[in-house]
Amino acid sequence: MSPAPRPRVTAAGIAIAVALTFAVLLALTGCSDSDPGGAEGDRTPAADSAPADSSPTAPEGDSNLGPAGEALATVSGDEDMVARIMDVERESGILTVKAVLENTGDEDFLAVGWKDRPGLRPYTLAGSYFHDKASKTLHWPIFGKSTKKCLCTEQIGAIEAGSKVDVEVSFPDVLKSVAKVSLNLATFPQVDIDIPEGN
């Protein structure tokens, strides 16, 4: 009995087999690409960008906020100017008044009318004074013996609309028993202010 003839492998058959194998591999690759990362693909941009700690934080407070920054007195002046007396310090025989000047108007304010005691130099707090009603005396700002300059804010110039300016002026201290004085800051009306107890 003669053996069965072997099937002939032709070039066409080889080409068909290679094409089928390539098609199967391509199909498998397409299935794996249809899932872009599994759980990674399910995340939303919001989840990626969310901070680790989203608890709210308190805003930084302004320097004039809180019990230590409340105005001791407020007085309105010319042309929508407002003066807020923020602090009064007593140290080494000197009483220093610190204030914030605010231009609440729509136009710039030119402090040309704020002059020194002789009324010669403008744009200064040198003409300020306070009245000690207990001793019935006026107290003027301290001037340097050699410089002849006021121990106060000078060259104020123009205060722009809507802006604020920090100023201060120093006077000779009063008796330790005095707890209240009447202050005239530049051309603002007189206002009573409490002062800390003397040392």
N, C-alpha and C. Protein backbone atom coordinates (compact mmCIF):
# COMPACT_ATOMS: atom_id res chain seq x y z
N MET A 1 0.86 -1.19 0.00
CA MET A 1 0.00 0.00 0.00
C MET A 1 0.88 1.23 0.00
N SER A 2 0.66 2.04 -0.99
CA SER A 2 1.51 3.25 -1.11
C SER A 2 1.04 4.35 -0.16
N PRO A 3 1.99 5.15 0.40
CA PRO A 3 1.60 6.23 1.37
C PRO A 3 0.77 7.31 0.71
N ALA A 4 -0.09 8.00 1.54
CA ALA A 4 -0.96 9.09 1.03
C ALA A 4 -0.11 10.26 0.60
N PRO A 5 -0.48 10.87 -0.46
CA PRO A 5 0.32 12.00 -0.94
C PRO A 5 0.23 13.20 0.01
N ARG A 6 1.38 13.87 0.25
CA ARG A 6 1.41 15.06 1.13
C ARG A 6 0.78 16.26 0.41
N PRO A 7 0.00 17.05 1.19
CA PRO A 7 -0.59 18.25 0.57
C PRO A 7 0.50 19.25 0.21
N ARG A 8 0.34 19.85 -0.95
CA ARG A 8 1.35 20.82 -1.38
C ARG A 8 1.03 22.20 -0.78
N VAL A 9 2.10 22.82 -0.27
CA VAL A 9 1.97 24.18 0.28
C VAL A 9 2.39 25.17 -0.79
N THR A 10 1.44 25.89 -1.24
CA THR A 10 1.71 26.84 -2.31
C THR A 10 1.99 28.22 -1.75
N ALA A 11 2.51 29.05 -2.59
CA ALA A 11 2.79 30.46 -2.17
C ALA A 11 1.52 31.19 -1.82
N ALA A 12 0.45 30.88 -2.52
CA ALA A 12 -0.83 31.54 -2.24
C ALA A 12 -1.34 31.18 -0.87
N GLY A 13 -1.15 29.90 -0.48
CA GLY A 13 -1.60 29.48 0.85
C GLY A 13 -0.83 30.17 1.96
N ILE A 14 0.47 30.30 1.74
CA ILE A 14 1.28 30.98 2.76
C ILE A 14 0.83 32.43 2.93
N ALA A 15 0.56 33.08 1.83
CA ALA A 15 0.12 34.48 1.90
C ALA A 15 -1.19 34.63 2.65
N ILE A 16 -2.12 33.68 2.41
CA ILE A 16 -3.42 33.74 3.11
C ILE A 16 -3.24 33.55 4.60
N ALA A 17 -2.35 32.61 4.99
CA ALA A 17 -2.11 32.34 6.42
C ALA A 17 -1.52 33.55 7.12
N VAL A 18 -0.56 34.18 6.47
CA VAL A 18 0.06 35.38 7.06
C VAL A 18 -0.96 36.50 7.22
N ALA A 19 -1.83 36.65 6.22
CA ALA A 19 -2.85 37.71 6.29
C ALA A 19 -3.81 37.46 7.43
N LEU A 20 -4.24 36.20 7.65
CA LEU A 20 -5.16 35.88 8.75
C LEU A 20 -4.51 36.15 10.11
N THR A 21 -3.24 35.75 10.23
CA THR A 21 -2.53 35.98 11.50
C THR A 21 -2.45 37.48 11.82
N PHE A 22 -2.14 38.28 10.82
CA PHE A 22 -2.04 39.74 10.99
C PHE A 22 -3.38 40.34 11.39
N ALA A 23 -4.47 39.82 10.77
CA ALA A 23 -5.80 40.32 11.09
C ALA A 23 -6.17 40.03 12.54
N VAL A 24 -5.82 38.82 13.02
CA VAL A 24 -6.12 38.46 14.42
C VAL A 24 -5.37 39.36 15.39
N LEU A 25 -4.06 39.55 15.11
CA LEU A 25 -3.27 40.42 15.99
C LEU A 25 -3.81 41.85 16.02
N LEU A 26 -4.24 42.35 14.88
CA LEU A 26 -4.79 43.70 14.80
C LEU A 26 -6.07 43.84 15.60
N ALA A 27 -6.90 42.80 15.53
CA ALA A 27 -8.16 42.82 16.29
C ALA A 27 -7.90 42.83 17.78
N LEU A 28 -6.92 42.01 18.23
CA LEU A 28 -6.60 41.98 19.66
C LEU A 28 -6.06 43.33 20.15
N THR A 29 -5.24 43.97 19.34
CA THR A 29 -4.69 45.28 19.71
C THR A 29 -5.78 46.32 19.80
N GLY A 30 -6.73 46.27 18.89
CA GLY A 30 -7.85 47.23 18.92
C GLY A 30 -8.68 47.08 20.16
N CYS A 31 -8.90 45.86 20.63
CA CYS A 31 -9.69 45.64 21.86
C CYS A 31 -8.99 46.23 23.07
N SER A 32 -7.67 46.03 23.15
CA SER A 32 -6.95 46.56 24.32
C SER A 32 -6.92 48.07 24.33
N ASP A 33 -6.90 48.72 23.13
CA ASP A 33 -6.87 50.19 23.07
C ASP A 33 -8.22 50.80 23.37
N SER A 34 -9.29 50.05 23.37
CA SER A 34 -10.62 50.61 23.61
C SER A 34 -10.83 50.99 25.05
N ASP A 35 -9.96 50.53 25.99
CA ASP A 35 -10.07 50.89 27.40
C ASP A 35 -8.88 51.76 27.77
N PRO A 36 -9.03 53.09 27.75
CA PRO A 36 -7.87 53.98 27.96
C PRO A 36 -7.47 54.09 29.41
N GLY A 37 -6.90 53.00 29.94
CA GLY A 37 -6.32 53.13 31.28
C GLY A 37 -7.22 52.66 32.39
N GLY A 38 -8.37 52.13 32.14
CA GLY A 38 -9.22 51.58 33.19
C GLY A 38 -9.62 52.64 34.17
N ALA A 39 -9.26 52.43 35.44
CA ALA A 39 -9.66 53.37 36.50
C ALA A 39 -9.09 54.76 36.27
N GLU A 40 -7.90 54.82 35.65
CA GLU A 40 -7.32 56.13 35.37
C GLU A 40 -8.19 56.94 34.44
N GLY A 41 -8.83 56.26 33.47
CA GLY A 41 -9.66 56.97 32.51
C GLY A 41 -10.97 57.43 33.10
N ASP A 42 -11.36 56.87 34.24
CA ASP A 42 -12.62 57.26 34.88
C ASP A 42 -12.49 58.55 35.66
N ARG A 43 -11.27 59.02 35.94
CA ARG A 43 -11.09 60.23 36.75
C ARG A 43 -11.41 61.46 35.93
N THR A 44 -12.06 62.43 36.56
CA THR A 44 -12.42 63.68 35.90
C THR A 44 -11.34 64.72 36.17
N PRO A 45 -11.24 65.75 35.33
CA PRO A 45 -10.25 66.81 35.58
C PRO A 45 -10.44 67.46 36.93
N ALA A 46 -11.70 67.59 37.38
CA ALA A 46 -11.95 68.22 38.69
C ALA A 46 -11.32 67.41 39.80
N ALA A 47 -11.40 66.07 39.68
CA ALA A 47 -10.82 65.23 40.71
C ALA A 47 -9.31 65.36 40.71
N ASP A 48 -8.70 65.49 39.52
CA ASP A 48 -7.25 65.61 39.45
C ASP A 48 -6.77 66.93 40.04
N SER A 49 -7.56 68.02 39.83
CA SER A 49 -7.12 69.34 40.25
C SER A 49 -7.50 69.68 41.67
N ALA A 50 -8.31 68.87 42.33
CA ALA A 50 -8.75 69.17 43.70
C ALA A 50 -7.56 69.11 44.64
N PRO A 51 -7.37 70.12 45.52
CA PRO A 51 -6.25 70.08 46.45
C PRO A 51 -6.45 69.00 47.49
N ALA A 52 -5.35 68.58 48.09
CA ALA A 52 -5.44 67.53 49.10
C ALA A 52 -6.22 68.00 50.31
N ASP A 53 -6.06 69.28 50.68
CA ASP A 53 -6.77 69.83 51.83
C ASP A 53 -7.60 71.00 51.34
N SER A 54 -8.90 70.81 51.19
CA SER A 54 -9.77 71.85 50.66
C SER A 54 -10.50 72.62 51.74
N SER A 55 -10.07 72.50 53.00
CA SER A 55 -10.74 73.21 54.09
C SER A 55 -10.50 74.70 53.94
N PRO A 56 -11.52 75.56 54.18
CA PRO A 56 -11.37 77.00 53.98
C PRO A 56 -10.41 77.61 54.99
N THR A 57 -9.70 78.64 54.57
CA THR A 57 -8.79 79.34 55.47
C THR A 57 -9.28 80.77 55.66
N ALA A 58 -9.05 81.30 56.83
CA ALA A 58 -9.50 82.66 57.13
C ALA A 58 -8.66 83.66 56.36
N PRO A 59 -9.29 84.73 55.81
CA PRO A 59 -8.50 85.74 55.10
C PRO A 59 -7.62 86.51 56.05
N GLU A 60 -6.51 86.99 55.49
CA GLU A 60 -5.62 87.79 56.31
C GLU A 60 -6.29 89.10 56.67
N GLY A 61 -6.21 89.44 57.89
CA GLY A 61 -6.85 90.65 58.33
C GLY A 61 -6.07 91.89 57.95
N ASP A 62 -6.82 93.00 57.72
CA ASP A 62 -6.19 94.27 57.44
C ASP A 62 -5.54 94.78 58.72
N SER A 63 -4.43 95.65 58.65
CA SER A 63 -3.71 96.14 59.83
C SER A 63 -4.58 97.02 60.73
N ASN A 64 -5.66 97.58 60.18
CA ASN A 64 -6.55 98.43 60.96
C ASN A 64 -7.78 97.69 61.47
N LEU A 65 -7.78 96.34 61.38
CA LEU A 65 -8.91 95.55 61.85
C LEU A 65 -8.61 94.98 63.24
N GLY A 66 -9.66 94.61 63.96
CA GLY A 66 -9.48 94.00 65.26
C GLY A 66 -9.47 95.04 66.37
N PRO A 67 -9.52 94.59 67.62
CA PRO A 67 -9.61 95.51 68.76
C PRO A 67 -8.46 96.50 68.81
N ALA A 68 -7.24 96.05 68.44
CA ALA A 68 -6.09 96.96 68.54
C ALA A 68 -6.09 98.00 67.44
N GLY A 69 -6.89 97.80 66.38
CA GLY A 69 -6.86 98.72 65.25
C GLY A 69 -8.08 99.59 65.12
N GLU A 70 -9.00 99.55 66.09
CA GLU A 70 -10.19 100.38 66.00
C GLU A 70 -9.84 101.84 66.27
N ALA A 71 -10.50 102.74 65.55
CA ALA A 71 -10.21 104.16 65.71
C ALA A 71 -10.66 104.65 67.09
N LEU A 72 -9.81 105.45 67.72
CA LEU A 72 -10.17 106.06 68.99
C LEU A 72 -11.18 107.19 68.80
N ALA A 73 -11.08 107.84 67.65
CA ALA A 73 -12.00 108.94 67.33
C ALA A 73 -11.97 109.16 65.82
N THR A 74 -13.07 109.68 65.29
CA THR A 74 -13.18 109.99 63.86
C THR A 74 -13.76 111.38 63.71
N VAL A 75 -13.16 112.17 62.81
CA VAL A 75 -13.63 113.53 62.60
C VAL A 75 -13.55 113.86 61.12
N SER A 76 -14.57 114.56 60.62
CA SER A 76 -14.63 114.93 59.21
C SER A 76 -14.15 116.36 59.03
N GLY A 77 -13.38 116.58 57.93
CA GLY A 77 -12.84 117.90 57.66
C GLY A 77 -13.33 118.47 56.34
N ASP A 78 -12.53 119.30 55.73
CA ASP A 78 -12.90 119.95 54.49
C ASP A 78 -12.79 118.99 53.30
N GLU A 79 -13.63 119.24 52.30
CA GLU A 79 -13.54 118.55 51.01
C GLU A 79 -13.50 117.02 51.15
N ASP A 80 -14.42 116.48 51.93
CA ASP A 80 -14.60 115.02 52.06
C ASP A 80 -13.40 114.33 52.70
N MET A 81 -12.58 115.07 53.44
CA MET A 81 -11.48 114.45 54.16
C MET A 81 -11.95 113.94 55.52
N VAL A 82 -11.48 112.76 55.90
CA VAL A 82 -11.83 112.15 57.18
C VAL A 82 -10.53 111.76 57.90
N ALA A 83 -10.45 112.09 59.18
CA ALA A 83 -9.30 111.73 60.00
C ALA A 83 -9.74 110.72 61.05
N ARG A 84 -9.03 109.60 61.10
CA ARG A 84 -9.29 108.57 62.11
C ARG A 84 -8.08 108.49 63.04
N ILE A 85 -8.29 108.83 64.30
CA ILE A 85 -7.21 108.76 65.29
C ILE A 85 -7.08 107.29 65.71
N MET A 86 -5.95 106.67 65.34
CA MET A 86 -5.80 105.24 65.54
C MET A 86 -5.09 104.88 66.84
N ASP A 87 -4.17 105.74 67.29
CA ASP A 87 -3.38 105.37 68.46
C ASP A 87 -2.77 106.61 69.09
N VAL A 88 -2.59 106.53 70.39
CA VAL A 88 -1.90 107.59 71.14
C VAL A 88 -0.88 106.90 72.04
N GLU A 89 0.39 107.28 71.91
CA GLU A 89 1.45 106.66 72.69
C GLU A 89 2.10 107.69 73.61
N ARG A 90 2.46 107.22 74.79
CA ARG A 90 3.16 108.08 75.74
C ARG A 90 4.45 107.37 76.12
N GLU A 91 5.57 108.01 75.84
CA GLU A 91 6.86 107.39 76.15
C GLU A 91 7.94 108.46 76.27
N SER A 92 8.70 108.37 77.36
CA SER A 92 9.84 109.26 77.58
C SER A 92 9.47 110.73 77.45
N GLY A 93 8.33 111.11 78.01
CA GLY A 93 7.92 112.49 78.01
C GLY A 93 7.38 112.99 76.68
N ILE A 94 7.06 112.08 75.77
CA ILE A 94 6.52 112.45 74.46
C ILE A 94 5.17 111.78 74.26
N LEU A 95 4.21 112.53 73.78
CA LEU A 95 2.88 112.01 73.46
C LEU A 95 2.73 112.04 71.93
N THR A 96 2.62 110.87 71.33
CA THR A 96 2.56 110.76 69.87
C THR A 96 1.17 110.31 69.43
N VAL A 97 0.58 111.07 68.53
CA VAL A 97 -0.73 110.76 67.98
C VAL A 97 -0.54 110.19 66.57
N LYS A 98 -1.12 109.02 66.32
CA LYS A 98 -1.05 108.39 65.00
C LYS A 98 -2.45 108.35 64.41
N ALA A 99 -2.56 108.73 63.15
CA ALA A 99 -3.88 108.83 62.51
C ALA A 99 -3.81 108.35 61.07
N VAL A 100 -4.99 108.09 60.51
CA VAL A 100 -5.13 107.75 59.10
C VAL A 100 -6.03 108.81 58.47
N LEU A 101 -5.54 109.47 57.45
CA LEU A 101 -6.31 110.47 56.72
C LEU A 101 -6.84 109.84 55.44
N GLU A 102 -8.14 109.95 55.23
CA GLU A 102 -8.77 109.34 54.05
C GLU A 102 -9.51 110.39 53.24
N ASN A 103 -9.26 110.37 51.95
CA ASN A 103 -9.98 111.24 51.02
C ASN A 103 -11.16 110.45 50.48
N THR A 104 -12.35 110.74 50.99
CA THR A 104 -13.55 110.00 50.58
C THR A 104 -14.24 110.63 49.37
N GLY A 105 -13.67 111.70 48.83
CA GLY A 105 -14.29 112.39 47.70
C GLY A 105 -13.87 111.82 46.36
N ASP A 106 -14.30 112.50 45.30
CA ASP A 106 -13.99 112.09 43.93
C ASP A 106 -12.84 112.88 43.32
N GLU A 107 -12.31 113.85 44.05
CA GLU A 107 -11.21 114.66 43.54
C GLU A 107 -10.05 114.64 44.53
N ASP A 108 -8.85 114.84 44.02
CA ASP A 108 -7.67 114.88 44.87
C ASP A 108 -7.75 116.08 45.83
N PHE A 109 -7.20 115.88 47.03
CA PHE A 109 -7.18 116.95 48.02
C PHE A 109 -5.76 117.47 48.15
N LEU A 110 -5.58 118.76 48.02
CA LEU A 110 -4.27 119.40 48.13
C LEU A 110 -4.18 120.07 49.50
N ALA A 111 -3.25 119.56 50.33
CA ALA A 111 -3.15 120.02 51.71
C ALA A 111 -2.36 121.32 51.83
N VAL A 112 -2.61 122.26 50.93
CA VAL A 112 -1.87 123.52 50.95
C VAL A 112 -2.27 124.37 52.16
N GLY A 113 -3.47 124.15 52.69
CA GLY A 113 -3.93 124.92 53.83
C GLY A 113 -3.44 124.38 55.17
N TRP A 114 -2.77 123.23 55.17
CA TRP A 114 -2.22 122.68 56.40
C TRP A 114 -0.83 123.26 56.60
N LYS A 115 -0.74 124.25 57.47
CA LYS A 115 0.51 125.00 57.61
C LYS A 115 1.07 124.88 59.02
N ASP A 116 2.33 125.34 59.15
CA ASP A 116 2.96 125.33 60.46
C ASP A 116 2.39 126.48 61.31
N ARG A 117 2.91 126.60 62.52
CA ARG A 117 2.34 127.58 63.45
C ARG A 117 2.46 129.03 62.94
N PRO A 118 3.57 129.43 62.35
CA PRO A 118 3.61 130.80 61.80
C PRO A 118 2.75 130.96 60.55
N GLY A 119 2.28 129.85 59.98
CA GLY A 119 1.47 129.93 58.78
C GLY A 119 2.27 130.15 57.52
N LEU A 120 3.54 129.73 57.53
CA LEU A 120 4.42 129.97 56.38
C LEU A 120 4.58 128.72 55.50
N ARG A 121 4.75 127.55 56.13
CA ARG A 121 5.02 126.34 55.37
C ARG A 121 3.75 125.49 55.26
N PRO A 122 3.33 125.14 54.05
CA PRO A 122 2.13 124.32 53.88
C PRO A 122 2.47 122.82 53.88
N TYR A 123 1.44 122.00 53.69
CA TYR A 123 1.57 120.54 53.56
C TYR A 123 2.20 119.89 54.79
N THR A 124 1.85 120.36 55.97
CA THR A 124 2.47 119.84 57.19
C THR A 124 1.45 119.75 58.31
N LEU A 125 1.74 118.88 59.29
CA LEU A 125 0.92 118.80 60.50
C LEU A 125 1.51 119.64 61.63
N ALA A 126 2.48 120.50 61.30
CA ALA A 126 3.15 121.29 62.33
C ALA A 126 2.22 122.30 63.00
N GLY A 127 1.09 122.60 62.36
CA GLY A 127 0.14 123.53 62.97
C GLY A 127 -0.88 122.85 63.88
N SER A 128 -0.74 121.54 64.08
CA SER A 128 -1.65 120.81 64.97
C SER A 128 -1.37 121.17 66.43
N TYR A 129 -2.35 120.98 67.27
CA TYR A 129 -2.17 121.21 68.71
C TYR A 129 -3.26 120.47 69.47
N PHE A 130 -3.04 120.31 70.77
CA PHE A 130 -4.12 119.77 71.59
C PHE A 130 -4.29 120.63 72.84
N HIS A 131 -5.48 120.57 73.37
CA HIS A 131 -5.86 121.40 74.52
C HIS A 131 -6.03 120.51 75.73
N ASP A 132 -5.21 120.76 76.74
CA ASP A 132 -5.35 120.07 78.02
C ASP A 132 -6.31 120.91 78.86
N LYS A 133 -7.56 120.46 78.91
CA LYS A 133 -8.58 121.25 79.59
C LYS A 133 -8.38 121.30 81.10
N ALA A 134 -7.71 120.29 81.63
CA ALA A 134 -7.48 120.27 83.08
C ALA A 134 -6.58 121.43 83.51
N SER A 135 -5.50 121.64 82.73
CA SER A 135 -4.58 122.73 83.07
C SER A 135 -4.83 123.98 82.23
N LYS A 136 -5.80 123.89 81.30
CA LYS A 136 -6.17 125.00 80.43
C LYS A 136 -4.97 125.53 79.64
N THR A 137 -4.22 124.59 79.06
CA THR A 137 -3.05 124.96 78.28
C THR A 137 -3.09 124.28 76.91
N LEU A 138 -2.46 124.95 75.93
CA LEU A 138 -2.32 124.39 74.59
C LEU A 138 -0.93 123.77 74.45
N HIS A 139 -0.87 122.66 73.75
CA HIS A 139 0.40 121.98 73.53
C HIS A 139 0.63 121.87 72.02
N TRP A 140 1.80 122.39 71.59
CA TRP A 140 2.16 122.38 70.18
C TRP A 140 3.14 121.25 69.90
N PRO A 141 3.30 120.88 68.64
CA PRO A 141 4.23 119.78 68.32
C PRO A 141 5.66 120.10 68.73
N ILE A 142 6.44 119.06 68.88
CA ILE A 142 7.86 119.20 69.24
C ILE A 142 8.66 119.59 67.99
N PHE A 143 9.55 120.55 68.17
CA PHE A 143 10.44 120.96 67.09
C PHE A 143 11.89 120.70 67.51
N GLY A 144 12.70 120.21 66.56
CA GLY A 144 14.10 119.99 66.85
C GLY A 144 14.84 121.29 67.12
N LYS A 145 15.71 121.28 68.11
CA LYS A 145 16.42 122.51 68.47
C LYS A 145 17.38 122.94 67.37
N SER A 146 18.01 121.98 66.73
CA SER A 146 18.98 122.34 65.69
C SER A 146 18.34 122.37 64.30
N THR A 147 17.48 121.42 64.03
CA THR A 147 16.87 121.34 62.69
C THR A 147 15.69 122.28 62.52
N LYS A 148 15.06 122.65 63.64
CA LYS A 148 13.86 123.50 63.61
C LYS A 148 12.72 122.84 62.83
N LYS A 149 12.78 121.54 62.73
CA LYS A 149 11.74 120.81 62.02
C LYS A 149 10.79 120.14 63.00
N CYS A 150 9.55 120.02 62.58
CA CYS A 150 8.52 119.42 63.42
C CYS A 150 8.72 117.92 63.52
N LEU A 151 8.49 117.38 64.71
CA LEU A 151 8.50 115.93 64.89
C LEU A 151 7.11 115.41 64.49
N CYS A 152 6.84 115.49 63.17
CA CYS A 152 5.52 115.15 62.66
C CYS A 152 5.62 114.86 61.17
N THR A 153 4.52 114.46 60.58
CA THR A 153 4.47 114.20 59.14
C THR A 153 4.41 115.53 58.39
N GLU A 154 5.34 115.70 57.44
CA GLU A 154 5.37 116.90 56.63
C GLU A 154 5.41 116.53 55.15
N GLN A 155 5.34 117.54 54.30
CA GLN A 155 5.36 117.35 52.84
C GLN A 155 4.27 116.35 52.42
N ILE A 156 3.08 116.58 52.95
CA ILE A 156 1.95 115.69 52.65
C ILE A 156 1.51 115.83 51.20
N GLY A 157 1.49 117.06 50.69
CA GLY A 157 1.15 117.27 49.29
C GLY A 157 -0.30 116.93 48.99
N ALA A 158 -0.51 116.24 47.87
CA ALA A 158 -1.86 115.89 47.43
C ALA A 158 -2.23 114.49 47.93
N ILE A 159 -3.47 114.37 48.39
CA ILE A 159 -4.02 113.07 48.79
C ILE A 159 -5.04 112.68 47.73
N GLU A 160 -4.75 111.63 46.99
CA GLU A 160 -5.59 111.24 45.86
C GLU A 160 -6.97 110.80 46.31
N ALA A 161 -7.95 110.97 45.42
CA ALA A 161 -9.32 110.56 45.73
C ALA A 161 -9.36 109.07 46.04
N GLY A 162 -10.04 108.74 47.14
CA GLY A 162 -10.18 107.34 47.54
C GLY A 162 -8.98 106.74 48.23
N SER A 163 -7.94 107.52 48.47
CA SER A 163 -6.72 106.98 49.07
C SER A 163 -6.63 107.33 50.56
N LYS A 164 -5.69 106.66 51.26
CA LYS A 164 -5.46 106.89 52.68
C LYS A 164 -3.99 107.19 52.90
N VAL A 165 -3.71 107.99 53.91
CA VAL A 165 -2.34 108.35 54.26
C VAL A 165 -2.16 108.20 55.76
N ASP A 166 -1.10 107.51 56.17
CA ASP A 166 -0.76 107.38 57.59
C ASP A 166 0.07 108.59 58.01
N VAL A 167 -0.32 109.22 59.12
CA VAL A 167 0.40 110.39 59.61
C VAL A 167 0.59 110.26 61.11
N GLU A 168 1.50 111.07 61.64
CA GLU A 168 1.67 111.13 63.09
C GLU A 168 2.28 112.47 63.47
N VAL A 169 2.06 112.84 64.71
CA VAL A 169 2.59 114.08 65.24
C VAL A 169 2.87 113.88 66.73
N SER A 170 4.01 114.42 67.19
CA SER A 170 4.43 114.23 68.58
C SER A 170 4.41 115.55 69.34
N PHE A 171 3.93 115.48 70.58
CA PHE A 171 3.82 116.65 71.45
C PHE A 171 4.57 116.37 72.75
N PRO A 172 4.91 117.43 73.49
CA PRO A 172 5.40 117.21 74.86
C PRO A 172 4.28 116.58 75.69
N ASP A 173 4.65 115.64 76.52
CA ASP A 173 3.64 114.92 77.30
C ASP A 173 3.01 115.85 78.34
N VAL A 174 1.82 115.44 78.81
CA VAL A 174 1.10 116.19 79.83
C VAL A 174 1.28 115.48 81.17
N LEU A 175 0.65 115.99 82.19
CA LEU A 175 0.74 115.37 83.51
C LEU A 175 0.20 113.93 83.46
N LYS A 176 0.74 113.08 84.30
CA LYS A 176 0.35 111.67 84.31
C LYS A 176 -1.13 111.49 84.61
N SER A 177 -1.69 112.43 85.34
CA SER A 177 -3.09 112.31 85.74
C SER A 177 -4.06 112.62 84.61
N VAL A 178 -3.58 113.24 83.53
CA VAL A 178 -4.45 113.63 82.41
C VAL A 178 -4.79 112.39 81.58
N ALA A 179 -6.08 112.15 81.38
CA ALA A 179 -6.53 110.97 80.62
C ALA A 179 -7.27 111.33 79.35
N LYS A 180 -7.55 112.61 79.13
CA LYS A 180 -8.31 113.03 77.94
C LYS A 180 -7.85 114.42 77.52
N VAL A 181 -7.68 114.60 76.20
CA VAL A 181 -7.32 115.91 75.67
C VAL A 181 -8.19 116.18 74.44
N SER A 182 -8.21 117.44 74.03
CA SER A 182 -8.94 117.83 72.82
C SER A 182 -7.93 118.13 71.73
N LEU A 183 -7.99 117.39 70.64
CA LEU A 183 -6.99 117.47 69.59
C LEU A 183 -7.49 118.24 68.37
N ASN A 184 -6.65 119.12 67.86
CA ASN A 184 -6.87 119.76 66.56
C ASN A 184 -5.77 119.27 65.62
N LEU A 185 -6.10 118.39 64.70
CA LEU A 185 -5.15 117.84 63.75
C LEU A 185 -5.24 118.62 62.45
N ALA A 186 -4.16 119.36 62.13
CA ALA A 186 -4.17 120.23 60.95
C ALA A 186 -5.38 121.17 61.03
N THR A 187 -6.24 121.15 60.00
CA THR A 187 -7.42 122.03 60.00
C THR A 187 -8.70 121.27 60.34
N PHE A 188 -8.58 120.05 60.82
CA PHE A 188 -9.77 119.30 61.21
C PHE A 188 -10.36 119.91 62.48
N PRO A 189 -11.69 119.78 62.66
CA PRO A 189 -12.32 120.28 63.88
C PRO A 189 -11.77 119.56 65.12
N GLN A 190 -11.92 120.19 66.23
CA GLN A 190 -11.44 119.63 67.49
C GLN A 190 -12.20 118.35 67.83
N VAL A 191 -11.48 117.38 68.38
CA VAL A 191 -12.07 116.12 68.77
C VAL A 191 -11.42 115.65 70.07
N ASP A 192 -12.21 115.14 70.99
CA ASP A 192 -11.70 114.64 72.26
C ASP A 192 -11.16 113.22 72.08
N ILE A 193 -9.98 112.97 72.63
CA ILE A 193 -9.40 111.64 72.56
C ILE A 193 -8.90 111.23 73.94
N ASP A 194 -9.00 109.94 74.22
CA ASP A 194 -8.45 109.37 75.44
C ASP A 194 -6.98 109.06 75.22
N ILE A 195 -6.18 109.26 76.26
CA ILE A 195 -4.77 108.93 76.17
C ILE A 195 -4.42 107.93 77.27
N PRO A 196 -3.43 107.09 77.02
CA PRO A 196 -3.10 106.07 78.02
C PRO A 196 -2.54 106.67 79.29
N GLU A 197 -2.57 105.91 80.34
CA GLU A 197 -2.07 106.37 81.63
C GLU A 197 -0.57 106.60 81.57
N GLY A 198 -0.12 107.70 82.11
CA GLY A 198 1.31 108.02 82.10
C GLY A 198 2.09 107.13 83.03
N ASN A 199 3.38 106.95 82.72
CA ASN A 199 4.26 106.12 83.55
C ASN A 199 4.79 106.91 84.73
